[in-house]
Amino acid sequence: MDFPTVSAFDYQLGSPYTPSSGVELVVRDRTASPADGLYSICYVNAFQTQPGERDQWPDEVLLTADGAPVFDADWPDEILLYTSTSSKREAILDTASSWIQGCADAGFEAVEFDNLDSLTRSHDVLTVDDNLALARALVDIAHAAGLAAGQKNSAEYTARLKSEAGLDFAIAEECAAYNECTAYTDAYGDAVIDIEYADTLPRSFAEMCEDTASPRAMILRDRDLVTPDDDGYVFRTCAH
């Protein structure tokens, strides 16, 4: 699947709003509408439950330990999904496939699958092979729906995700802050977009933009991804 070469994009997972002039690509949640006239990517949390959506997943696909759900420590409303058997992956796909098709029906051109790295929070229950198997199936569904499929974070697994799961592009968060950008660009070239966050910059955003290791498309955002009408809103792009 083709992915456009862009310089300016926006990451709008909070609430959608009219993009700034010059923005060529927008990422929005699957419950929102795509941005009019712009290449739009649909966000799907496919490896953990989304906050407020616990009831949309069958109990059998929720990862548990000692009878209790295993939560993401950084996102305590998100329960990890159990990807370790083919039957559980099929049950996950039963839910996620309708969301992916919904993205296509709404007019999105691509989909990103978040939390590919859930295995790192699973206390060694999940493996990279488990998550790769689910990723491959998700990509197949996306491609069948006419959508490009994107890797989200998981820099250390990029080579395998690209070659074995067949992903088309990558969305990174803070790859410049953590010196991980080349892991993505070596695999995907210009088909990489990166979001840096204003609260954790180890150096100026201008310096990051000038760094030859940074991807072509990189923006600075506030951590909560609020709208321009909210306090704390941050949005900057690199000038190319």
Protein backbone atom coordinates (compact mmCIF):
# COMPACT_ATOMS: atom_id res chain seq x y z
CA MET A 1 0.00 0.00 0.00
CA ASP A 2 1.31 3.46 -0.90
CA PHE A 3 1.93 5.99 1.86
CA PRO A 4 2.34 9.69 1.07
CA THR A 5 5.57 11.59 1.68
CA VAL A 6 4.57 14.48 3.93
CA SER A 7 6.30 17.13 6.02
CA ALA A 8 3.45 18.45 8.16
CA PHE A 9 0.83 16.35 9.92
CA ASP A 10 -1.29 16.48 13.06
CA TYR A 11 -2.00 13.91 15.74
CA GLN A 12 -5.55 14.40 17.02
CA LEU A 13 -6.40 11.50 19.31
CA GLY A 14 -8.04 13.75 21.88
CA SER A 15 -10.82 15.54 20.03
CA PRO A 16 -10.83 16.33 16.31
CA TYR A 17 -10.43 19.96 15.18
CA THR A 18 -9.68 21.84 11.97
CA PRO A 19 -6.02 21.21 11.06
CA SER A 20 -3.61 24.12 10.70
CA SER A 21 -2.72 25.44 7.27
CA GLY A 22 -0.07 23.31 5.60
CA VAL A 23 -1.01 20.08 7.35
CA GLU A 24 -1.12 17.23 4.84
CA LEU A 25 -2.02 14.24 7.03
CA VAL A 26 -4.11 13.78 10.17
CA VAL A 27 -4.40 10.89 12.64
CA ARG A 28 -7.72 10.56 14.47
CA ASP A 29 -9.45 7.97 16.63
CA ARG A 30 -11.64 5.40 14.89
CA THR A 31 -14.70 7.00 16.52
CA ALA A 32 -14.00 10.33 14.75
CA SER A 33 -14.45 11.29 11.12
CA PRO A 34 -11.45 11.65 8.81
CA ALA A 35 -10.17 15.15 8.02
CA ASP A 36 -11.74 16.57 4.87
CA GLY A 37 -9.39 16.58 1.90
CA LEU A 38 -6.37 15.27 3.84
CA TYR A 39 -4.79 11.83 4.08
CA SER A 40 -6.31 10.42 7.25
CA ILE A 41 -5.12 7.61 9.49
CA CYS A 42 -7.49 5.78 11.82
CA TYR A 43 -6.28 4.88 15.33
CA VAL A 44 -7.19 1.41 16.61
CA ASN A 45 -6.02 0.07 19.98
CA ALA A 46 -5.70 -3.56 18.92
CA PHE A 47 -3.51 -5.07 21.64
CA GLN A 48 -5.08 -3.51 24.75
CA THR A 49 -8.55 -2.32 25.69
CA GLN A 50 -9.28 1.36 25.12
CA PRO A 51 -10.40 3.33 28.22
CA GLY A 52 -14.17 3.05 28.54
CA GLU A 53 -14.38 0.14 26.09
CA ARG A 54 -13.73 -2.82 28.37
CA ASP A 55 -17.21 -4.22 27.71
CA GLN A 56 -16.58 -4.38 23.96
CA TRP A 57 -14.13 -7.24 24.43
CA PRO A 58 -15.07 -10.80 25.45
CA ASP A 59 -13.66 -11.90 28.80
CA GLU A 60 -11.69 -14.69 27.14
CA VAL A 61 -9.30 -12.25 25.41
CA LEU A 62 -8.42 -10.24 28.54
CA LEU A 63 -5.04 -11.16 29.99
CA THR A 64 -5.21 -12.08 33.68
CA ALA A 65 -2.74 -13.02 36.41
CA ASP A 66 -3.92 -14.73 39.59
CA GLY A 67 -7.49 -14.09 38.50
CA ALA A 68 -7.04 -10.32 38.08
CA PRO A 69 -6.78 -8.35 34.80
CA VAL A 70 -3.29 -7.26 33.77
CA PHE A 71 -3.35 -3.50 33.27
CA ASP A 72 -0.89 -1.22 31.51
CA ALA A 73 0.85 0.58 34.36
CA ASP A 74 1.04 3.81 32.34
CA TRP A 75 -2.60 3.60 31.22
CA PRO A 76 -4.46 2.00 34.14
CA ASP A 77 -7.76 1.83 32.24
CA GLU A 78 -6.23 -0.41 29.58
CA ILE A 79 -6.17 -4.20 30.00
CA LEU A 80 -3.74 -6.22 27.90
CA LEU A 81 -5.27 -8.59 25.36
CA TYR A 82 -4.32 -12.27 25.43
CA THR A 83 -2.61 -12.96 22.09
CA SER A 84 -0.92 -16.26 22.93
CA THR A 85 -3.16 -18.77 21.16
CA SER A 86 -4.73 -18.85 17.72
CA SER A 87 -8.22 -19.13 19.21
CA LYS A 88 -7.73 -16.04 21.34
CA ARG A 89 -6.28 -14.12 18.40
CA GLU A 90 -9.31 -15.09 16.34
CA ALA A 91 -11.56 -13.76 19.11
CA ILE A 92 -9.61 -10.49 19.12
CA LEU A 93 -9.99 -10.26 15.35
CA ASP A 94 -13.73 -10.79 15.62
CA THR A 95 -13.92 -7.43 17.40
CA ALA A 96 -11.10 -5.55 15.70
CA SER A 97 -12.08 -6.48 12.14
CA SER A 98 -15.35 -4.56 12.35
CA TRP A 99 -13.45 -1.50 13.63
CA ILE A 100 -10.98 -1.71 10.74
CA GLN A 101 -13.77 -2.00 8.20
CA GLY A 102 -15.48 0.92 9.93
CA CYS A 103 -12.35 3.01 9.36
CA ALA A 104 -12.47 2.19 5.66
CA ASP A 105 -16.19 2.86 5.41
CA ALA A 106 -15.74 6.24 7.09
CA GLY A 107 -13.21 7.29 4.47
CA PHE A 108 -9.85 6.84 6.20
CA GLU A 109 -6.93 5.83 3.98
CA ALA A 110 -4.89 4.01 6.62
CA VAL A 111 -5.02 2.50 10.09
CA GLU A 112 -2.48 2.41 12.93
CA PHE A 113 -2.44 -0.45 15.43
CA ASP A 114 -1.42 0.67 18.90
CA ASN A 115 0.34 -1.27 21.67
CA LEU A 116 2.20 -3.78 19.55
CA ASP A 117 4.63 -3.82 22.48
CA SER A 118 2.06 -5.06 25.01
CA LEU A 119 4.23 -8.14 25.51
CA THR A 120 6.75 -6.00 27.41
CA ARG A 121 4.08 -5.37 30.06
CA SER A 122 2.74 -8.94 30.22
CA HIS A 123 5.14 -10.35 32.84
CA ASP A 124 6.52 -12.74 30.18
CA VAL A 125 3.13 -14.27 29.35
CA LEU A 126 3.01 -12.85 25.82
CA THR A 127 5.79 -13.17 23.25
CA VAL A 128 6.87 -11.20 20.21
CA ASP A 129 5.79 -14.14 18.04
CA ASP A 130 2.28 -13.98 19.54
CA ASN A 131 1.94 -10.29 18.77
CA LEU A 132 3.49 -10.64 15.33
CA ALA A 133 0.91 -13.30 14.48
CA LEU A 134 -1.90 -10.96 15.47
CA ALA A 135 -0.27 -8.04 13.65
CA ARG A 136 -0.04 -10.10 10.45
CA ALA A 137 -3.75 -10.92 10.63
CA LEU A 138 -4.66 -7.29 11.34
CA VAL A 139 -2.61 -6.13 8.36
CA ASP A 140 -4.33 -8.66 6.10
CA ILE A 141 -7.73 -7.35 7.18
CA ALA A 142 -6.64 -3.73 6.67
CA HIS A 143 -5.25 -4.43 3.20
CA ALA A 144 -8.41 -6.29 2.21
CA ALA A 145 -10.37 -3.19 3.25
CA GLY A 146 -8.13 -0.98 1.09
CA LEU A 147 -6.22 0.55 4.01
CA ALA A 148 -2.49 0.97 4.51
CA ALA A 149 -1.42 -0.46 7.87
CA GLY A 150 0.93 1.26 10.29
CA GLN A 151 3.31 0.16 13.01
CA LYS A 152 2.97 2.19 16.23
CA ASN A 153 6.15 2.49 18.32
CA SER A 154 7.93 -0.84 19.13
CA ALA A 155 11.22 0.33 17.59
CA GLU A 156 13.07 -2.79 18.69
CA TYR A 157 10.75 -5.02 16.63
CA THR A 158 10.65 -2.87 13.50
CA ALA A 159 12.58 -5.19 11.17
CA ARG A 160 10.35 -8.17 12.00
CA LEU A 161 7.15 -6.15 11.93
CA LYS A 162 7.98 -4.81 8.48
CA SER A 163 9.11 -8.11 6.99
CA GLU A 164 6.83 -10.59 8.76
CA ALA A 165 3.66 -8.60 9.42
CA GLY A 166 3.78 -6.62 6.17
CA LEU A 167 3.22 -3.18 7.70
CA ASP A 168 3.42 -0.21 5.33
CA PHE A 169 4.53 2.73 7.50
CA ALA A 170 5.39 3.65 11.07
CA ILE A 171 4.12 6.12 13.63
CA ALA A 172 6.67 6.81 16.34
CA GLU A 173 6.38 8.70 19.58
CA GLU A 174 9.49 10.43 20.91
CA CYS A 175 11.91 8.61 18.63
CA ALA A 176 14.13 11.71 18.56
CA ALA A 177 14.04 12.00 22.35
CA TYR A 178 15.12 8.37 22.71
CA ASN A 179 17.43 8.18 19.67
CA GLU A 180 15.31 5.51 18.00
CA CYS A 181 14.33 7.20 14.73
CA THR A 182 16.71 5.33 12.47
CA ALA A 183 15.16 2.02 13.56
CA TYR A 184 12.02 3.19 11.74
CA THR A 185 13.54 5.09 8.82
CA ASP A 186 15.95 2.28 7.97
CA ALA A 187 12.92 0.07 7.40
CA TYR A 188 10.29 2.47 6.08
CA GLY A 189 12.27 5.38 4.59
CA ASP A 190 10.10 8.50 4.41
CA ALA A 191 7.00 6.52 5.40
CA VAL A 192 7.55 7.48 9.05
CA ILE A 193 5.86 10.17 11.13
CA ASP A 194 7.01 11.05 14.64
CA ILE A 195 5.38 12.88 17.54
CA GLU A 196 7.58 14.51 20.17
CA TYR A 197 6.02 15.78 23.40
CA ALA A 198 6.65 19.20 24.91
CA ASP A 199 6.90 17.99 28.51
CA THR A 200 9.87 15.64 28.01
CA LEU A 201 12.17 17.27 25.47
CA PRO A 202 15.84 16.48 26.21
CA ARG A 203 16.90 19.25 23.79
CA SER A 204 15.14 21.94 21.80
CA PHE A 205 12.63 20.90 19.17
CA ALA A 206 14.55 23.00 16.65
CA GLU A 207 17.64 20.88 17.28
CA MET A 208 15.61 17.72 16.81
CA CYS A 209 14.30 19.02 13.51
CA GLU A 210 17.85 19.72 12.32
CA ASP A 211 19.09 16.27 13.32
CA THR A 212 19.67 14.22 10.18
CA ALA A 213 18.53 11.10 12.05
CA SER A 214 15.04 12.57 12.54
CA PRO A 215 12.30 11.51 10.13
CA ARG A 216 11.10 13.96 7.50
CA ALA A 217 7.72 14.37 9.20
CA MET A 218 7.99 15.27 12.88
CA ILE A 219 5.78 17.42 15.11
CA LEU A 220 5.73 18.70 18.67
CA ARG A 221 2.52 18.17 20.62
CA ASP A 222 1.22 18.44 24.16
CA ARG A 223 1.05 15.11 25.98
CA ASP A 224 -2.75 15.19 26.38
CA LEU A 225 -3.36 16.01 22.70
CA VAL A 226 -5.87 18.74 23.55
CA THR A 227 -7.49 21.07 21.02
CA PRO A 228 -6.42 24.63 20.16
CA ASP A 229 -9.26 25.91 22.38
CA ASP A 230 -7.83 24.20 25.49
CA ASP A 231 -5.12 25.35 27.87
CA GLY A 232 -1.82 23.59 27.30
CA TYR A 233 -2.26 23.08 23.56
CA VAL A 234 1.05 22.70 21.73
CA PHE A 235 1.53 22.14 18.01
CA ARG A 236 4.69 22.79 16.00
CA THR A 237 6.08 21.30 12.84
CA CYS A 238 9.60 21.14 11.44
CA ALA A 239 10.24 23.46 8.50
CA HIS A 240 11.71 21.60 5.53
